[in-house]
């Protein structure tokens, strides 16, 4: 459900709050999230799998805001993390440790120690060297690490190459043909305890087939391991369900839930899910102001105060994001523009040759579907301060992250002693 819409006067609202009001009080660029959408999306996804015992571990990388993590934890959710920093964020937001799974191909010994000390539910281990290091770290701390092998089923997710993770050439997971051998290695390792299997084939998935094909492979391996005397506590099928950016028709969570739980019927394993984009993607917009309308002989540029450092998806993935005026003026008609930011890169472009309602300098726009991989991928390139973040609930709103200051840009920097005359 989408909670960004126009009122009778042509003003764009987030739930019941005019975006004009947020911009006036907090400036731009600013990320704005609708709590009603976040809540609705989490509940719909969670309920879609109600036919089988399951745990929704929200993929923190999609949007790391503490207010969102806290909201999902209050609804029974956990966290899928990929770094020590994300572990810190999840714990700070109140996510119970027994609802946290740790993914990622490059876990360090320090991160392993932190996660072991926290007592997380599972390490999704992605290579044999990682297994050996985790065993060493766990034994040194006198504990056993709960391990789920992340297997790579060599399934084409039919998505952008940068976010496809289940092909044999991918860096993620271990070949599923190696699953039995590595499971035996886990069982023989004093510092490890085999608890599950994990699989994640990619992001922005718009078809059910690849996910179900991967699940079949994982369940076949689970049955093989059970036959060898290694029953599993859980099966983790990752996330990746897509959203509509522009014309895509991804499956509804209910379709995915029905198909997956049908395959899990009668099985003893807990089902773990790692949704991210499908929960937060369409729950957020990037609010920006038009700085200039620059006209040349060949084209017209709409120059915004937001840039690729704020939302890199269009530059990185050539991703499409709808762009709406915050105030409608239908009498002006439309124009065709390149929507760009101020950064000194030709790639700092949100849209090329896009037909939009005619806008003037100083007016506001909303870049839609920016709740996932927006702020979490933001940077301070060109020494630009990262945007503020706002959560809206009904007719209320709150800055859940203050805009960065110039001082925070240089926090942690120092001059070497020879430059200070020391």
Protein backbone atom coordinates (compact mmCIF):
# COMPACT_ATOMS: atom_id res chain seq x y z
CA UNK A 1 0.00 0.00 0.00
CA UNK A 2 1.25 3.46 -0.97
CA UNK A 3 0.84 6.38 1.44
CA UNK A 4 2.12 9.21 -0.77
CA UNK A 5 -0.69 10.94 -2.64
CA UNK A 6 -2.11 14.32 -3.65
CA UNK A 7 -4.85 16.09 -1.74
CA UNK A 8 -7.70 18.05 -3.32
CA UNK A 9 -5.51 21.16 -3.65
CA UNK A 10 -2.78 19.38 -5.58
CA UNK A 11 -0.33 19.12 -2.66
CA UNK A 12 1.63 15.87 -2.29
CA UNK A 13 1.28 14.33 1.17
CA UNK A 14 3.14 11.67 3.09
CA UNK A 15 0.23 10.08 4.94
CA UNK A 16 -1.42 13.26 6.26
CA UNK A 17 1.65 15.52 6.23
CA UNK A 18 2.29 17.93 3.32
CA UNK A 19 5.80 17.43 1.96
CA UNK A 20 5.99 21.21 1.63
CA UNK A 21 5.84 21.41 5.43
CA UNK A 22 8.66 18.93 5.91
CA UNK A 23 10.86 20.80 3.42
CA UNK A 24 10.10 24.14 5.09
CA UNK A 25 11.10 22.86 8.53
CA UNK A 26 13.99 20.50 7.71
CA UNK A 27 15.25 21.53 4.28
CA UNK A 28 16.22 19.33 1.36
CA UNK A 29 17.34 16.84 0.25
CA UNK A 30 15.50 14.71 2.81
CA UNK A 31 14.37 11.11 2.87
CA UNK A 32 10.76 10.71 4.00
CA UNK A 33 9.31 7.36 5.10
CA UNK A 34 5.63 6.51 5.70
CA UNK A 35 5.21 4.41 8.82
CA UNK A 36 1.82 3.16 7.63
CA UNK A 37 3.42 1.69 4.51
CA UNK A 38 6.27 0.11 6.47
CA UNK A 39 3.85 -1.48 8.93
CA UNK A 40 1.50 -2.69 6.23
CA UNK A 41 4.27 -4.19 4.09
CA UNK A 42 5.87 -6.03 7.01
CA UNK A 43 2.55 -7.49 8.13
CA UNK A 44 1.56 -8.60 4.65
CA UNK A 45 4.91 -10.31 4.09
CA UNK A 46 4.89 -11.96 7.51
CA UNK A 47 1.31 -13.21 7.15
CA UNK A 48 2.04 -14.62 3.69
CA UNK A 49 4.10 -17.39 5.34
CA UNK A 50 1.75 -18.07 8.25
CA UNK A 51 1.10 -21.64 7.07
CA UNK A 52 4.58 -22.65 8.27
CA UNK A 53 6.69 -21.81 11.31
CA UNK A 54 8.87 -18.92 10.17
CA UNK A 55 10.95 -15.89 11.13
CA UNK A 56 11.20 -12.68 9.09
CA UNK A 57 14.76 -11.33 9.37
CA UNK A 58 14.65 -7.91 7.72
CA UNK A 59 17.67 -7.27 5.45
CA UNK A 60 19.28 -4.36 7.27
CA UNK A 61 21.37 -3.32 4.25
CA UNK A 62 18.20 -2.13 2.46
CA UNK A 63 17.67 0.67 4.98
CA UNK A 64 19.69 0.87 8.17
CA UNK A 65 17.64 3.52 10.00
CA UNK A 66 17.31 2.66 13.68
CA UNK A 67 13.69 3.79 13.78
CA UNK A 68 12.79 1.29 11.06
CA UNK A 69 14.74 -1.54 12.71
CA UNK A 70 13.00 -0.81 16.00
CA UNK A 71 9.59 -0.80 14.31
CA UNK A 72 10.16 -4.19 12.68
CA UNK A 73 11.54 -5.67 15.92
CA UNK A 74 8.39 -4.55 17.74
CA UNK A 75 6.38 -6.50 15.16
CA UNK A 76 8.28 -9.73 15.79
CA UNK A 77 10.93 -9.28 13.13
CA UNK A 78 14.60 -10.08 13.25
CA UNK A 79 17.58 -8.86 11.25
CA UNK A 80 19.73 -10.18 8.43
CA UNK A 81 23.08 -8.43 8.90
CA UNK A 82 26.24 -8.35 6.79
CA UNK A 83 28.74 -6.50 9.02
CA UNK A 84 29.69 -5.69 12.57
CA UNK A 85 28.23 -2.24 12.05
CA UNK A 86 24.86 -3.70 11.12
CA UNK A 87 25.04 -5.95 14.19
CA UNK A 88 25.63 -2.85 16.31
CA UNK A 89 22.68 -1.10 14.69
CA UNK A 90 20.37 -4.08 15.16
CA UNK A 91 21.27 -4.50 18.83
CA UNK A 92 20.94 -0.76 19.44
CA UNK A 93 17.46 -0.84 17.89
CA UNK A 94 16.39 -3.65 20.22
CA UNK A 95 16.40 -6.59 17.81
CA UNK A 96 16.60 -9.76 19.96
CA UNK A 97 19.87 -11.60 19.38
CA UNK A 98 18.11 -14.89 18.73
CA UNK A 99 16.48 -13.27 15.68
CA UNK A 100 19.74 -12.19 14.00
CA UNK A 101 21.44 -14.02 11.13
CA UNK A 102 24.85 -12.94 9.83
CA UNK A 103 25.42 -13.16 6.06
CA UNK A 104 28.28 -11.94 3.86
CA UNK A 105 31.36 -13.36 2.18
CA UNK A 106 33.99 -11.43 4.12
CA UNK A 107 33.32 -11.67 7.85
CA UNK A 108 36.38 -10.74 9.89
CA UNK A 109 37.54 -12.48 13.05
CA UNK A 110 36.58 -9.37 15.02
CA UNK A 111 33.05 -9.41 13.59
CA UNK A 112 32.76 -13.12 14.35
CA UNK A 113 33.78 -12.46 17.96
CA UNK A 114 31.22 -9.69 18.31
CA UNK A 115 28.43 -11.86 16.91
CA UNK A 116 29.39 -14.83 19.07
CA UNK A 117 29.44 -12.65 22.18
CA UNK A 118 26.00 -11.30 21.26
CA UNK A 119 24.64 -14.82 20.84
CA UNK A 120 23.12 -14.53 17.36
CA UNK A 121 20.85 -17.18 15.84
CA UNK A 122 23.08 -18.19 12.93
CA UNK A 123 26.15 -17.47 10.84
CA UNK A 124 25.33 -17.90 7.14
CA UNK A 125 28.77 -19.20 6.14
CA UNK A 126 29.83 -18.70 2.53
CA UNK A 127 33.15 -20.53 2.09
CA UNK A 128 35.39 -23.25 3.50
CA UNK A 129 38.04 -20.73 4.68
CA UNK A 130 35.31 -18.88 6.57
CA UNK A 131 34.26 -22.13 8.26
CA UNK A 132 37.84 -22.76 9.37
CA UNK A 133 38.25 -19.26 10.77
CA UNK A 134 34.88 -19.32 12.55
CA UNK A 135 35.78 -22.65 14.14
CA UNK A 136 39.06 -21.17 15.37
CA UNK A 137 37.42 -18.02 16.75
CA UNK A 138 34.62 -19.96 18.47
CA UNK A 139 36.99 -22.46 20.10
CA UNK A 140 39.14 -19.60 21.40
CA UNK A 141 36.04 -18.18 23.10
CA UNK A 142 34.92 -21.54 24.41
CA UNK A 143 31.65 -21.64 22.49
CA UNK A 144 30.12 -23.32 19.47
CA UNK A 145 29.06 -21.13 16.54
CA UNK A 146 25.67 -21.96 14.98
CA UNK A 147 26.27 -22.42 11.25
CA UNK A 148 23.99 -22.40 8.23
CA UNK A 149 25.76 -23.20 4.99
CA UNK A 150 24.94 -20.71 2.26
CA UNK A 151 24.71 -22.78 -0.89
CA UNK A 152 24.80 -21.48 -4.43
CA UNK A 153 22.30 -23.41 -6.60
CA UNK A 154 23.45 -21.87 -9.91
CA UNK A 155 20.01 -20.39 -10.62
CA UNK A 156 19.57 -17.38 -12.90
CA UNK A 157 17.50 -14.84 -10.96
CA UNK A 158 16.73 -12.83 -14.13
CA UNK A 159 17.72 -9.55 -12.51
CA UNK A 160 20.44 -6.90 -12.90
CA UNK A 161 23.90 -8.55 -13.03
CA UNK A 162 25.10 -6.46 -10.09
CA UNK A 163 22.41 -7.90 -7.80
CA UNK A 164 22.30 -11.50 -9.07
CA UNK A 165 23.90 -13.71 -6.41
CA UNK A 166 22.93 -17.29 -7.25
CA UNK A 167 24.96 -18.08 -10.38
CA UNK A 168 28.02 -20.32 -10.29
CA UNK A 169 30.30 -17.38 -11.16
CA UNK A 170 28.99 -15.37 -8.20
CA UNK A 171 31.19 -14.71 -5.18
CA UNK A 172 28.36 -15.74 -2.86
CA UNK A 173 27.88 -19.10 -1.18
CA UNK A 174 29.40 -22.50 -1.81
CA UNK A 175 28.51 -24.71 -4.78
CA UNK A 176 25.53 -26.80 -3.78
CA UNK A 177 27.46 -29.86 -4.97
CA UNK A 178 29.92 -29.15 -2.14
CA UNK A 179 27.19 -28.91 0.49
CA UNK A 180 27.42 -32.46 1.81
CA UNK A 181 31.21 -32.34 2.17
CA UNK A 182 31.19 -28.99 3.93
CA UNK A 183 28.36 -30.06 6.21
CA UNK A 184 30.50 -33.01 7.29
CA UNK A 185 33.35 -30.58 7.94
CA UNK A 186 31.08 -28.51 10.19
CA UNK A 187 30.01 -31.59 12.14
CA UNK A 188 33.66 -32.58 12.70
CA UNK A 189 34.67 -29.09 13.87
CA UNK A 190 34.52 -28.64 17.68
CA UNK A 191 33.75 -24.92 17.43
CA UNK A 192 30.85 -25.29 15.00
CA UNK A 193 27.29 -26.58 15.15
CA UNK A 194 25.34 -27.25 11.96
CA UNK A 195 21.92 -25.62 12.27
CA UNK A 196 20.69 -24.89 8.76
CA UNK A 197 21.02 -24.20 5.07
CA UNK A 198 20.81 -20.78 3.47
CA UNK A 199 20.24 -19.59 -0.08
CA UNK A 200 19.77 -16.15 -1.63
CA UNK A 201 19.78 -15.86 -5.43
CA UNK A 202 19.44 -12.12 -5.97
CA UNK A 203 17.50 -8.92 -5.52
CA UNK A 204 14.59 -7.23 -7.33
CA UNK A 205 13.18 -10.60 -8.40
CA UNK A 206 10.06 -10.37 -10.54
CA UNK A 207 9.40 -14.10 -11.14
CA UNK A 208 8.65 -16.93 -8.72
CA UNK A 209 10.33 -19.64 -10.76
CA UNK A 210 13.98 -19.01 -9.84
CA UNK A 211 13.25 -18.85 -6.10
CA UNK A 212 11.25 -22.08 -6.17
CA UNK A 213 13.90 -23.81 -8.27
CA UNK A 214 16.53 -22.80 -5.73
CA UNK A 215 14.34 -23.95 -2.84
CA UNK A 216 13.93 -27.38 -4.43
CA UNK A 217 17.71 -27.75 -4.56
CA UNK A 218 18.11 -26.64 -0.96
CA UNK A 219 15.43 -29.00 0.34
CA UNK A 220 16.96 -31.89 -1.58
CA UNK A 221 20.27 -31.21 0.15
CA UNK A 222 18.50 -30.89 3.51
CA UNK A 223 16.94 -34.32 3.00
CA UNK A 224 20.33 -35.76 2.04
CA UNK A 225 21.88 -34.34 5.21
CA UNK A 226 19.05 -35.66 7.35
CA UNK A 227 19.58 -39.08 5.82
CA UNK A 228 23.24 -38.86 6.80
CA UNK A 229 22.27 -38.11 10.39
CA UNK A 230 22.41 -34.32 10.29
CA UNK A 231 18.90 -32.94 10.86
CA UNK A 232 18.62 -29.17 10.44
CA UNK A 233 16.87 -26.60 12.60
CA UNK A 234 16.09 -24.13 9.83
CA UNK A 235 16.10 -23.40 6.12
CA UNK A 236 16.79 -19.80 5.08
CA UNK A 237 15.59 -18.86 1.57
CA UNK A 238 16.84 -15.27 1.66
CA UNK A 239 14.80 -12.42 0.23
CA UNK A 240 14.92 -10.48 -3.00
CA UNK A 241 11.24 -10.12 -3.93
CA UNK A 242 10.97 -7.14 -6.24
CA UNK A 243 8.83 -4.01 -6.19
CA UNK A 244 7.26 -1.83 -8.85
CA UNK A 245 9.53 1.02 -9.91
CA UNK A 246 8.07 1.50 -13.37
CA UNK A 247 5.81 -1.10 -14.89
CA UNK A 248 7.28 -4.19 -13.23
CA UNK A 249 4.74 -6.75 -12.01
CA UNK A 250 6.51 -8.76 -9.32
CA UNK A 251 4.59 -11.51 -7.52
CA UNK A 252 2.58 -10.48 -4.48
CA UNK A 253 4.04 -11.78 -1.20
CA UNK A 254 0.96 -13.99 -0.87
CA UNK A 255 1.91 -15.79 -4.10
CA UNK A 256 5.45 -16.36 -2.86
CA UNK A 257 4.22 -17.43 0.56
CA UNK A 258 1.73 -19.94 -0.77
CA UNK A 259 4.26 -21.48 -3.16
CA UNK A 260 7.03 -21.72 -0.57
CA UNK A 261 4.91 -23.00 2.32
CA UNK A 262 3.42 -25.64 0.04
CA UNK A 263 6.94 -27.00 -0.51
CA UNK A 264 7.66 -26.79 3.24
CA UNK A 265 4.45 -28.59 4.25
CA UNK A 266 5.18 -31.31 6.79
CA UNK A 267 8.84 -30.37 7.08
CA UNK A 268 10.34 -29.81 10.56
CA UNK A 269 12.64 -26.91 9.73
CA UNK A 270 11.92 -23.32 10.73
CA UNK A 271 11.67 -21.16 7.61
CA UNK A 272 13.80 -18.00 7.70
CA UNK A 273 13.13 -15.13 5.29
CA UNK A 274 15.29 -12.07 4.57
CA UNK A 275 13.11 -9.44 2.84
CA UNK A 276 14.41 -5.91 2.43
CA UNK A 277 13.39 -3.94 -0.64
CA UNK A 278 9.84 -5.34 -0.68
CA UNK A 279 9.26 -3.95 2.84
CA UNK A 280 10.88 -0.53 2.59
CA UNK A 281 11.33 0.33 -1.10
CA UNK A 282 8.00 1.98 -1.80
CA UNK A 283 7.69 3.28 1.77
CA UNK A 284 10.16 6.10 1.15
CA UNK A 285 10.77 9.06 -1.14
CA UNK A 286 13.67 11.45 -1.59
CA UNK A 287 12.42 15.02 -1.28
CA UNK A 288 14.47 17.50 -3.32
CA UNK A 289 14.31 21.08 -4.55
CA UNK A 290 14.87 22.34 -8.08
CA UNK A 291 17.93 24.61 -8.13
CA UNK A 292 17.90 25.58 -11.79
CA UNK A 293 16.13 24.90 -15.05
CA UNK A 294 19.05 24.98 -17.46
CA UNK A 295 18.16 25.24 -21.13
CA UNK A 296 20.63 24.58 -23.94
CA UNK A 297 20.21 24.24 -27.68
CA UNK A 298 20.03 20.46 -27.45
CA UNK A 299 18.20 19.76 -24.20
CA UNK A 300 16.82 21.04 -20.92
CA UNK A 301 18.28 20.09 -17.56
CA UNK A 302 16.39 20.08 -14.28
CA UNK A 303 19.14 20.58 -11.71
CA UNK A 304 18.18 19.32 -8.23
CA UNK A 305 19.81 19.80 -4.85
CA UNK A 306 19.84 15.99 -4.48
CA UNK A 307 22.62 14.08 -6.20
CA UNK A 308 24.09 10.65 -6.84
CA UNK A 309 25.70 10.72 -3.41
CA UNK A 310 22.16 10.78 -1.95
CA UNK A 311 20.61 8.18 -4.29
CA UNK A 312 23.10 6.25 -6.40
CA UNK A 313 20.78 3.62 -7.90
CA UNK A 314 20.11 5.50 -11.18
CA UNK A 315 23.85 6.02 -11.72
CA UNK A 316 24.94 2.56 -10.57
CA UNK A 317 22.16 0.38 -12.00
CA UNK A 318 20.53 2.70 -14.54
CA UNK A 319 17.51 2.27 -12.29
CA UNK A 320 14.22 4.02 -12.99
CA UNK A 321 12.58 6.11 -10.25
CA UNK A 322 9.36 7.99 -10.86
CA UNK A 323 9.63 11.73 -10.16
CA UNK A 324 6.58 13.72 -9.05
CA UNK A 325 6.12 17.43 -8.43
CA UNK A 326 5.22 18.18 -4.83
CA UNK A 327 2.70 20.75 -6.03
CA UNK A 328 0.60 20.18 -9.13
CA UNK A 329 0.20 22.91 -11.77
CA UNK A 330 -1.61 21.18 -14.66
CA UNK A 331 -2.12 24.48 -16.49
CA UNK A 332 1.63 24.62 -17.25
CA UNK A 333 1.71 21.42 -19.30
CA UNK A 334 4.76 19.19 -19.57
CA UNK A 335 8.36 19.36 -20.72
CA UNK A 336 11.09 16.84 -21.49
CA UNK A 337 14.19 17.12 -19.34
CA UNK A 338 17.29 15.42 -18.03
CA UNK A 339 17.00 15.38 -14.24
CA UNK A 340 20.47 15.82 -12.77
CA UNK A 341 22.29 16.66 -9.57
CA UNK A 342 25.12 19.08 -8.74
CA UNK A 343 27.98 16.54 -8.50
CA UNK A 344 30.92 16.85 -10.88
CA UNK A 345 30.17 13.60 -12.70
CA UNK A 346 28.24 13.12 -15.93
CA UNK A 347 26.75 10.05 -14.26
CA UNK A 348 25.02 12.24 -11.68
CA UNK A 349 21.70 11.78 -13.45
CA UNK A 350 18.33 10.66 -12.11
CA UNK A 351 16.53 10.53 -15.46
CA UNK A 352 17.26 11.22 -19.12
CA UNK A 353 14.74 12.61 -21.60
CA UNK A 354 11.97 12.24 -18.99
CA UNK A 355 8.64 13.94 -19.65
CA UNK A 356 7.53 15.67 -16.46
CA UNK A 357 5.05 18.35 -15.43
CA UNK A 358 6.72 21.72 -16.05
CA UNK A 359 8.64 22.80 -12.98
CA UNK A 360 10.28 26.05 -11.92
CA UNK A 361 13.39 26.80 -9.90
CA UNK A 362 12.66 26.62 -6.18
CA UNK A 363 9.90 24.05 -6.47
CA UNK A 364 9.99 20.62 -4.86
CA UNK A 365 10.02 17.14 -6.35
CA UNK A 366 9.64 13.68 -4.83
CA UNK A 367 11.80 10.87 -6.18
CA UNK A 368 9.72 7.78 -5.53
CA UNK A 369 10.59 4.23 -4.45
CA UNK A 370 13.65 5.48 -2.59
CA UNK A 371 13.14 3.67 0.71
CA UNK A 372 15.50 0.82 -0.19
CA UNK A 373 19.18 1.28 -1.00
CA UNK A 374 18.81 5.04 -0.87
CA UNK A 375 20.27 6.49 2.29
CA UNK A 376 22.00 3.20 3.13
CA UNK A 377 24.18 3.60 0.00
CA UNK A 378 24.65 7.34 0.41
CA UNK A 379 28.10 8.92 0.64
CA UNK A 380 29.73 12.28 1.23
CA UNK A 381 31.26 12.45 -2.26
CA UNK A 382 32.13 16.05 -3.23
CA UNK A 383 32.03 16.70 0.55
CA UNK A 384 28.26 16.86 0.40
CA UNK A 385 26.47 16.42 3.68
CA UNK A 386 24.24 13.36 3.80
CA UNK A 387 20.51 14.00 3.83
CA UNK A 388 18.17 14.08 6.78
CA UNK A 389 15.69 11.24 7.31
CA UNK A 390 12.10 11.72 8.44
CA UNK A 391 9.45 9.26 9.63
CA UNK A 392 5.79 10.20 9.18
CA UNK A 393 2.95 8.70 11.20
CA UNK A 394 -0.49 10.06 10.41
CA UNK A 395 -0.33 13.84 10.84
CA UNK A 396 2.97 13.71 12.76
CA UNK A 397 6.55 13.63 11.57
CA UNK A 398 9.94 13.40 13.21
CA UNK A 399 13.51 13.74 12.00
CA UNK A 400 14.92 10.29 12.77
CA UNK A 401 18.33 11.35 11.47
CA UNK A 402 19.59 14.92 11.46
CA UNK A 403 21.22 16.29 8.36
CA UNK A 404 24.98 15.99 8.55
CA UNK A 405 26.95 19.08 9.47
CA UNK A 406 30.16 20.37 7.94
CA UNK A 407 31.86 19.52 11.22
CA UNK A 408 30.74 15.90 10.98
CA UNK A 409 32.30 15.68 7.52
CA UNK A 410 35.75 16.13 9.07
CA UNK A 411 35.14 14.33 12.37
CA UNK A 412 37.97 11.89 12.97
CA UNK A 413 40.42 13.70 10.69
CA UNK A 414 43.66 15.12 12.04
CA UNK A 415 46.85 16.65 10.70
CA UNK A 416 50.09 14.71 11.13
CA UNK A 417 52.42 16.21 13.74
CA UNK A 418 54.90 17.55 11.17
CA UNK A 419 52.12 19.65 9.60
CA UNK A 420 51.18 21.03 13.00
CA UNK A 421 54.71 22.13 13.75
CA UNK A 422 55.11 19.52 16.45
